């Protein structure tokens, strides 16, 4: 038989750009992609089913593990849904803390994305730069929750505890670090967490300038990203895109502006949008989002430094009493014991709440039958819709461009394979 036939190729799950759990079957004509068929299900965690057998607060930790670089944003959506069912108000200070940590999480996400996307395309320095900044932000996570990734810091009704007045210090000099090096590492840790974050926000704009100096006008970077995976505004809407994937196509849709939650209506920021809807526009949008997140964090720090107050709803039937009440008051001890052994019952009904997660719209839909566990939990994961568009985005492009497209989707399979 004459002629050359198309052939199929397994792209992943072993491929470094395929995140270990994406099997992409490519139909190739030479090096040109004719069809891309994503096979999800290699990870599949069963989070939604597991949630039905655990009391409401035990499921908070599962939210961290869905998109494990957008941890607290996921918790925020889940807690908001429960608060809607319980019809309880969250103290304003807790709302500002949530917004501040949502934006810290956005920075963590975009830094991880930029570093690994750069590495996929061939820019190794970006990976080292971005992880340098992530360390400070993960230290902030650790300061409030004790964990660097899976924080479980938000609670229905507020946050687990108020912001700490001091930051952990690096240890004394050792055979690996001199005393002067340790002193330099501890220089910005002399005050509270807010002081530490203020120091970070003052430096961060300069770091983003460094990223842009390396990449934005770099001819190799632009050759790999410009006009790759173009999506018009209408196509983006039809494909169910949200977040930077939608905004890069010129649609200024952001839940923080369009359907404000927490205190996003009280802070000032802009929505960056693209024009061409290609991989390069998605890069530019995310970089500008980092600048806007830094701007929001600065406003939250200023408010929190001047406005002390409660960080938890005070009805101990549905929220945990503070440690002093638990240790000194019999009623507090009873509430504490019941809270952790049985949880609280949520009124019968259903509710959906969504947040502008770094990757797009992340929402949780909860059906309650009046018990202390969800009757049904359905998660709207932004990455799932983006993953389903991979055939549309890669068709007609070269094999090497598949790596660029997967990177620009900013996929985390914990939420895709729920």
Protein backbone atom coordinates (compact mmCIF):
# COMPACT_ATOMS: atom_id res chain seq x y z
CA UNK A 1 0.00 0.00 0.00
CA UNK A 2 1.44 3.36 -0.98
CA UNK A 3 1.54 6.44 1.20
CA UNK A 4 2.37 7.06 4.83
CA UNK A 5 -0.30 6.27 7.40
CA UNK A 6 -0.93 8.24 10.56
CA UNK A 7 0.35 6.60 13.70
CA UNK A 8 -0.65 6.80 17.34
CA UNK A 9 1.68 7.71 20.18
CA UNK A 10 1.30 7.53 23.95
CA UNK A 11 2.17 10.93 25.37
CA UNK A 12 2.49 10.18 29.08
CA UNK A 13 1.84 9.24 31.77
CA UNK A 14 5.62 8.84 31.96
CA UNK A 15 6.36 12.07 30.12
CA UNK A 16 7.58 14.84 32.51
CA UNK A 17 4.98 17.28 31.13
CA UNK A 18 2.11 14.81 31.63
CA UNK A 19 2.05 15.12 35.44
CA UNK A 20 2.37 11.39 36.00
CA UNK A 21 -1.36 10.70 35.63
CA UNK A 22 -2.31 11.95 32.15
CA UNK A 23 -2.34 9.47 29.32
CA UNK A 24 -2.69 11.37 26.08
CA UNK A 25 -3.10 9.31 22.91
CA UNK A 26 -1.93 11.34 19.96
CA UNK A 27 -2.68 10.59 16.33
CA UNK A 28 0.20 12.03 14.35
CA UNK A 29 0.86 12.79 10.71
CA UNK A 30 4.62 13.04 10.88
CA UNK A 31 5.04 15.50 13.74
CA UNK A 32 1.68 17.22 13.25
CA UNK A 33 -1.09 16.35 15.71
CA UNK A 34 -4.29 15.20 14.02
CA UNK A 35 -6.10 14.16 17.19
CA UNK A 36 -5.43 14.21 20.93
CA UNK A 37 -7.46 11.89 23.14
CA UNK A 38 -6.94 12.44 26.90
CA UNK A 39 -7.49 9.38 29.09
CA UNK A 40 -8.26 10.54 32.62
CA UNK A 41 -8.85 8.14 35.46
CA UNK A 42 -5.35 6.96 36.36
CA UNK A 43 -5.46 8.95 39.62
CA UNK A 44 -9.19 8.92 40.48
CA UNK A 45 -9.50 9.60 44.21
CA UNK A 46 -13.21 9.28 44.80
CA UNK A 47 -13.27 12.46 46.88
CA UNK A 48 -16.96 13.18 46.27
CA UNK A 49 -17.96 9.69 47.44
CA UNK A 50 -15.62 9.74 50.43
CA UNK A 51 -17.19 13.02 51.58
CA UNK A 52 -20.54 11.27 52.12
CA UNK A 53 -19.13 9.18 54.97
CA UNK A 54 -17.35 11.95 56.88
CA UNK A 55 -18.65 14.80 59.01
CA UNK A 56 -18.53 18.21 57.38
CA UNK A 57 -15.31 19.48 58.94
CA UNK A 58 -13.41 16.27 58.16
CA UNK A 59 -13.88 17.01 54.47
CA UNK A 60 -11.98 20.32 54.63
CA UNK A 61 -8.68 18.45 54.29
CA UNK A 62 -9.92 16.77 51.11
CA UNK A 63 -10.35 20.18 49.49
CA UNK A 64 -6.62 20.87 49.92
CA UNK A 65 -5.79 17.64 48.14
CA UNK A 66 -7.94 18.28 45.07
CA UNK A 67 -5.83 21.01 43.52
CA UNK A 68 -2.77 20.80 45.73
CA UNK A 69 -1.39 24.18 44.64
CA UNK A 70 -4.69 26.05 45.20
CA UNK A 71 -5.35 24.69 48.65
CA UNK A 72 -7.08 27.46 50.60
CA UNK A 73 -9.12 28.67 47.61
CA UNK A 74 -10.72 25.22 47.46
CA UNK A 75 -11.40 25.30 51.20
CA UNK A 76 -13.00 28.72 50.79
CA UNK A 77 -15.61 27.44 48.31
CA UNK A 78 -16.46 24.45 50.52
CA UNK A 79 -16.78 26.54 53.69
CA UNK A 80 -18.89 29.17 51.92
CA UNK A 81 -21.34 26.47 50.77
CA UNK A 82 -21.76 25.17 54.34
CA UNK A 83 -22.18 28.73 55.64
CA UNK A 84 -24.90 29.30 53.06
CA UNK A 85 -26.76 26.19 54.26
CA UNK A 86 -26.31 27.15 57.93
CA UNK A 87 -27.13 30.82 57.22
CA UNK A 88 -24.29 32.11 59.40
CA UNK A 89 -22.22 35.29 59.11
CA UNK A 90 -18.42 35.24 59.03
CA UNK A 91 -16.66 37.99 61.06
CA UNK A 92 -15.13 40.73 58.90
CA UNK A 93 -11.59 40.08 60.15
CA UNK A 94 -11.89 36.43 59.12
CA UNK A 95 -13.13 37.56 55.70
CA UNK A 96 -10.04 39.73 55.20
CA UNK A 97 -7.78 36.89 56.35
CA UNK A 98 -9.47 34.58 53.85
CA UNK A 99 -9.03 37.06 51.00
CA UNK A 100 -5.39 37.62 51.91
CA UNK A 101 -4.67 33.89 51.95
CA UNK A 102 -6.70 33.32 48.78
CA UNK A 103 -4.33 35.74 47.04
CA UNK A 104 -1.26 34.19 48.67
CA UNK A 105 -2.56 30.91 47.25
CA UNK A 106 -2.97 32.51 43.82
CA UNK A 107 0.67 33.58 43.96
CA UNK A 108 1.71 30.08 45.04
CA UNK A 109 -0.24 28.59 42.14
CA UNK A 110 1.01 30.97 39.48
CA UNK A 111 4.61 30.67 40.68
CA UNK A 112 4.39 26.89 40.49
CA UNK A 113 2.80 27.18 37.04
CA UNK A 114 5.37 29.67 35.71
CA UNK A 115 8.34 27.71 37.05
CA UNK A 116 7.21 24.33 35.73
CA UNK A 117 5.86 25.73 32.44
CA UNK A 118 9.19 27.44 31.88
CA UNK A 119 10.96 24.16 32.63
CA UNK A 120 8.73 22.27 30.18
CA UNK A 121 9.49 24.75 27.41
CA UNK A 122 13.20 24.95 28.26
CA UNK A 123 13.73 27.87 30.67
CA UNK A 124 15.28 26.23 33.73
CA UNK A 125 16.15 29.47 35.56
CA UNK A 126 12.45 30.31 35.98
CA UNK A 127 11.91 27.17 38.03
CA UNK A 128 14.63 28.18 40.49
CA UNK A 129 13.42 31.78 40.73
CA UNK A 130 9.77 30.88 41.31
CA UNK A 131 10.54 28.32 43.99
CA UNK A 132 12.63 30.92 45.80
CA UNK A 133 9.52 33.10 46.23
CA UNK A 134 7.27 30.13 47.04
CA UNK A 135 9.37 29.40 50.12
CA UNK A 136 8.35 32.65 51.82
CA UNK A 137 4.68 32.11 51.05
CA UNK A 138 4.76 28.51 52.26
CA UNK A 139 6.32 29.81 55.49
CA UNK A 140 3.22 32.01 55.87
CA UNK A 141 1.02 28.92 55.41
CA UNK A 142 3.06 27.10 58.03
CA UNK A 143 2.86 30.00 60.48
CA UNK A 144 -0.96 29.95 60.60
CA UNK A 145 -1.66 26.24 60.22
CA UNK A 146 1.47 24.23 60.97
CA UNK A 147 1.44 22.75 57.46
CA UNK A 148 3.21 24.01 54.35
CA UNK A 149 0.74 22.59 51.82
CA UNK A 150 -2.45 21.03 53.13
CA UNK A 151 -3.30 23.78 55.58
CA UNK A 152 -6.91 22.98 56.63
CA UNK A 153 -6.97 26.54 57.99
CA UNK A 154 -10.47 27.73 56.97
CA UNK A 155 -13.51 26.63 58.93
CA UNK A 156 -17.24 27.12 58.33
CA UNK A 157 -17.78 30.35 60.27
CA UNK A 158 -14.28 31.78 59.93
CA UNK A 159 -10.70 30.56 60.25
CA UNK A 160 -9.06 28.16 62.69
CA UNK A 161 -7.17 30.87 64.60
CA UNK A 162 -6.01 34.47 64.34
CA UNK A 163 -2.74 35.45 62.68
CA UNK A 164 0.37 34.78 64.83
CA UNK A 165 2.26 37.65 66.45
CA UNK A 166 5.65 36.13 65.69
CA UNK A 167 7.33 34.18 62.90
CA UNK A 168 9.44 31.05 63.42
CA UNK A 169 13.19 31.74 63.19
CA UNK A 170 15.94 29.77 61.53
CA UNK A 171 18.17 27.92 63.97
CA UNK A 172 21.60 28.99 65.15
CA UNK A 173 24.84 28.71 63.19
CA UNK A 174 25.94 25.24 62.09
CA UNK A 175 28.58 23.62 59.95
CA UNK A 176 26.40 24.48 56.93
CA UNK A 177 25.43 28.09 57.78
CA UNK A 178 27.47 30.78 59.47
CA UNK A 179 25.92 33.06 62.10
CA UNK A 180 25.87 35.98 59.65
CA UNK A 181 23.94 33.86 57.11
CA UNK A 182 21.42 32.83 59.78
CA UNK A 183 21.01 36.46 60.90
CA UNK A 184 20.35 37.47 57.29
CA UNK A 185 17.69 34.74 56.94
CA UNK A 186 15.99 35.91 60.14
CA UNK A 187 16.15 39.63 59.33
CA UNK A 188 12.52 39.85 58.10
CA UNK A 189 11.18 37.46 60.79
CA UNK A 190 11.51 39.78 63.79
CA UNK A 191 7.87 40.89 63.79
CA UNK A 192 4.45 39.34 63.20
CA UNK A 193 3.22 37.35 60.19
CA UNK A 194 1.76 40.56 58.75
CA UNK A 195 5.15 42.29 59.04
CA UNK A 196 6.76 39.31 57.30
CA UNK A 197 4.19 39.46 54.47
CA UNK A 198 4.58 43.24 54.18
CA UNK A 199 8.31 42.75 53.63
CA UNK A 200 7.54 40.11 50.97
CA UNK A 201 5.03 42.31 49.09
CA UNK A 202 7.58 45.15 49.03
CA UNK A 203 10.06 42.82 47.28
CA UNK A 204 7.68 40.89 45.06
CA UNK A 205 7.11 43.49 42.32
CA UNK A 206 10.85 43.42 41.67
CA UNK A 207 10.78 39.64 41.40
CA UNK A 208 7.99 39.76 38.80
CA UNK A 209 10.08 42.30 36.85
CA UNK A 210 12.88 39.71 36.84
CA UNK A 211 10.56 37.06 35.43
CA UNK A 212 9.41 39.39 32.67
CA UNK A 213 12.99 40.43 31.85
CA UNK A 214 13.82 36.76 31.31
CA UNK A 215 10.72 35.73 29.37
CA UNK A 216 8.30 38.37 28.06
CA UNK A 217 10.44 39.60 25.13
CA UNK A 218 12.61 36.50 24.89
CA UNK A 219 12.53 35.43 21.23
CA UNK A 220 12.70 31.69 22.01
CA UNK A 221 9.88 31.97 24.56
CA UNK A 222 7.72 33.86 22.06
CA UNK A 223 8.48 31.38 19.27
CA UNK A 224 7.23 28.57 21.51
CA UNK A 225 4.08 30.37 22.78
CA UNK A 226 2.83 32.97 20.28
CA UNK A 227 -0.05 31.73 18.05
CA UNK A 228 -0.08 28.32 19.76
CA UNK A 229 -3.46 27.07 20.98
CA UNK A 230 -5.46 30.13 19.91
CA UNK A 231 -9.00 30.37 21.26
CA UNK A 232 -11.49 33.13 20.41
CA UNK A 233 -13.81 34.60 23.05
CA UNK A 234 -16.80 32.67 21.69
CA UNK A 235 -14.88 29.42 21.51
CA UNK A 236 -13.64 29.89 25.08
CA UNK A 237 -17.22 30.32 26.31
CA UNK A 238 -18.42 27.30 24.33
CA UNK A 239 -15.60 25.16 25.77
CA UNK A 240 -16.50 26.12 29.35
CA UNK A 241 -13.26 27.98 30.04
CA UNK A 242 -12.96 30.05 33.20
CA UNK A 243 -10.16 31.94 34.91
CA UNK A 244 -7.03 32.97 32.96
CA UNK A 245 -7.97 30.58 30.13
CA UNK A 246 -11.11 32.66 29.51
CA UNK A 247 -9.65 36.07 30.26
CA UNK A 248 -6.72 35.50 27.88
CA UNK A 249 -9.30 35.32 25.07
CA UNK A 250 -10.53 38.80 25.92
CA UNK A 251 -13.48 38.02 28.21
CA UNK A 252 -13.18 40.10 31.43
CA UNK A 253 -15.00 37.54 33.62
CA UNK A 254 -13.76 37.21 37.18
CA UNK A 255 -16.01 36.05 40.04
CA UNK A 256 -14.17 38.35 42.44
CA UNK A 257 -15.55 41.31 40.44
CA UNK A 258 -18.71 39.96 38.83
CA UNK A 259 -20.10 38.04 41.82
CA UNK A 260 -18.04 39.34 44.77
CA UNK A 261 -17.68 37.13 47.84
CA UNK A 262 -15.91 37.69 51.17
CA UNK A 263 -14.56 41.27 51.01
CA UNK A 264 -13.46 41.41 47.37
CA UNK A 265 -15.86 44.29 46.85
CA UNK A 266 -13.83 46.31 49.40
CA UNK A 267 -10.40 45.91 47.79
CA UNK A 268 -9.12 47.56 44.62
CA UNK A 269 -7.67 45.50 41.76
CA UNK A 270 -7.88 45.13 37.98
CA UNK A 271 -8.80 42.19 35.74
CA UNK A 272 -6.08 41.57 33.14
CA UNK A 273 -7.35 40.31 29.77
CA UNK A 274 -5.65 39.13 26.59
CA UNK A 275 -6.40 39.80 22.93
CA UNK A 276 -5.19 36.80 20.93
CA UNK A 277 -6.22 33.91 23.21
CA UNK A 278 -2.97 32.02 22.60
CA UNK A 279 -0.45 30.47 25.02
CA UNK A 280 1.50 33.73 25.18
CA UNK A 281 -1.59 35.72 26.20
CA UNK A 282 -2.30 33.18 28.93
CA UNK A 283 1.25 33.67 30.19
CA UNK A 284 0.91 37.47 30.18
CA UNK A 285 -2.47 37.36 31.96
CA UNK A 286 -1.16 35.13 34.76
CA UNK A 287 1.94 37.28 35.27
CA UNK A 288 -0.23 40.40 35.58
CA UNK A 289 -2.54 38.52 37.96
CA UNK A 290 0.44 38.04 40.25
CA UNK A 291 0.93 41.82 40.37
CA UNK A 292 -2.77 42.32 41.13
CA UNK A 293 -2.71 39.64 43.86
CA UNK A 294 0.25 41.42 45.46
CA UNK A 295 -1.79 44.62 45.39
CA UNK A 296 -4.74 42.92 47.15
CA UNK A 297 -2.47 41.39 49.81
CA UNK A 298 -1.03 44.84 50.62
CA UNK A 299 -4.57 46.23 51.15
CA UNK A 300 -5.52 43.28 53.38
CA UNK A 301 -2.36 43.69 55.48
CA UNK A 302 -3.14 47.39 56.04
CA UNK A 303 -6.71 46.60 57.13
CA UNK A 304 -5.76 43.68 59.39
CA UNK A 305 -3.05 45.66 61.17
CA UNK A 306 -5.60 48.29 62.17
CA UNK A 307 -8.72 46.21 62.87
CA UNK A 308 -8.53 43.52 65.56
CA UNK A 309 -11.58 41.39 66.22
CA UNK A 310 -13.03 37.86 66.27
CA UNK A 311 -12.08 35.42 63.52
CA UNK A 312 -14.80 32.82 64.15
CA UNK A 313 -18.59 32.78 64.33
CA UNK A 314 -19.57 32.56 68.01
CA UNK A 315 -22.34 29.93 67.91
CA UNK A 316 -20.58 26.94 69.47
CA UNK A 317 -23.28 24.63 68.18
CA UNK A 318 -21.68 24.88 64.74
CA UNK A 319 -18.20 26.27 65.39
CA UNK A 320 -15.40 25.12 67.65
CA UNK A 321 -15.03 27.00 70.98
CA UNK A 322 -11.65 28.61 71.60
CA UNK A 323 -9.06 26.76 73.66
CA UNK A 324 -9.54 28.86 76.79
CA UNK A 325 -13.30 28.25 76.85
CA UNK A 326 -12.72 24.55 76.30
CA UNK A 327 -10.28 24.30 79.22
CA UNK A 328 -12.13 26.51 81.72
CA UNK A 329 -15.84 26.06 80.98
CA UNK A 330 -17.81 22.79 81.18
CA UNK A 331 -20.18 23.86 78.38
CA UNK A 332 -17.17 24.70 76.24
CA UNK A 333 -15.67 21.26 76.89
CA UNK A 334 -18.95 19.56 75.94
CA UNK A 335 -19.23 21.60 72.74
CA UNK A 336 -15.61 20.80 71.88
CA UNK A 337 -16.13 17.07 72.42
CA UNK A 338 -19.39 16.96 70.43
CA UNK A 339 -17.86 19.08 67.68
CA UNK A 340 -15.04 16.61 67.04
CA UNK A 341 -16.91 13.37 67.71
CA UNK A 342 -20.24 14.04 65.99
CA UNK A 343 -19.84 17.34 64.20
CA UNK A 344 -22.89 19.52 63.58
CA UNK A 345 -26.07 18.94 61.62
CA UNK A 346 -26.74 21.11 58.62
CA UNK A 347 -30.35 22.04 57.76
CA UNK A 348 -31.95 20.12 54.93
CA UNK A 349 -31.45 21.78 51.56
CA UNK A 350 -28.94 22.34 48.79
CA UNK A 351 -26.45 25.07 47.94
CA UNK A 352 -23.72 25.92 45.45
CA UNK A 353 -20.90 28.39 46.02
CA UNK A 354 -17.95 29.14 43.76
CA UNK A 355 -14.71 31.07 44.08
CA UNK A 356 -12.26 32.47 41.55
CA UNK A 357 -9.59 29.87 42.09
CA UNK A 358 -6.20 30.52 40.36
CA UNK A 359 -7.16 28.13 37.55
CA UNK A 360 -10.76 29.30 37.11
CA UNK A 361 -14.16 28.76 38.73
CA UNK A 362 -14.03 26.19 41.50
CA UNK A 363 -17.38 25.42 43.10
CA UNK A 364 -18.94 22.95 45.50
CA UNK A 365 -22.56 21.84 45.39
CA UNK A 366 -23.79 20.26 48.62
CA UNK A 367 -27.09 18.46 49.19
CA UNK A 368 -27.96 18.08 52.88
CA UNK A 369 -30.57 15.73 54.32
CA UNK A 370 -30.30 17.32 57.76
CA UNK A 371 -27.57 14.98 59.02
CA UNK A 372 -24.01 15.68 60.15
CA UNK A 373 -22.55 14.48 56.82
CA UNK A 374 -23.21 15.66 53.25
CA UNK A 375 -25.84 13.57 51.48
CA UNK A 376 -24.08 14.51 48.24
CA UNK A 377 -21.06 16.62 47.33
CA UNK A 378 -20.40 17.62 43.72
CA UNK A 379 -17.28 19.54 42.82
CA UNK A 380 -17.05 21.87 39.83
CA UNK A 381 -13.34 21.68 39.00
CA UNK A 382 -12.01 24.28 36.56
CA UNK A 383 -9.28 21.98 35.22
CA UNK A 384 -11.74 19.34 34.05
CA UNK A 385 -13.29 21.66 31.44
CA UNK A 386 -9.85 22.81 30.31
CA UNK A 387 -8.61 19.23 29.96
CA UNK A 388 -11.56 18.35 27.72
CA UNK A 389 -10.45 21.05 25.25
CA UNK A 390 -7.00 19.61 24.63
CA UNK A 391 -7.94 18.09 21.27
CA UNK A 392 -9.28 21.44 20.08
CA UNK A 393 -6.16 23.27 21.29
CA UNK A 394 -3.54 20.92 19.84
CA UNK A 395 -5.05 19.91 16.49
CA UNK A 396 -2.78 20.99 13.64
CA UNK A 397 0.13 21.87 15.92
CA UNK A 398 3.47 20.11 16.20
CA UNK A 399 4.24 17.39 18.74
CA UNK A 400 6.53 19.77 20.65
CA UNK A 401 3.62 22.25 20.98
CA UNK A 402 1.60 19.67 22.94
CA UNK A 403 3.97 20.27 25.88
CA UNK A 404 3.35 24.01 25.65
CA UNK A 405 -0.44 23.57 25.52
CA UNK A 406 -0.55 21.20 28.51
CA UNK A 407 1.61 23.67 30.46
CA UNK A 408 -0.56 26.65 29.59
CA UNK A 409 -3.71 24.81 30.75
CA UNK A 410 -2.25 24.77 34.30
CA UNK A 411 -3.69 21.32 34.99
CA UNK A 412 -3.59 19.58 38.35
CA UNK A 413 -5.05 16.10 38.15
CA UNK A 414 -6.23 15.92 41.75
CA UNK A 415 -9.26 18.00 40.77
CA UNK A 416 -9.63 16.59 37.23
CA UNK A 417 -9.73 12.99 38.52
CA UNK A 418 -11.83 13.69 41.58
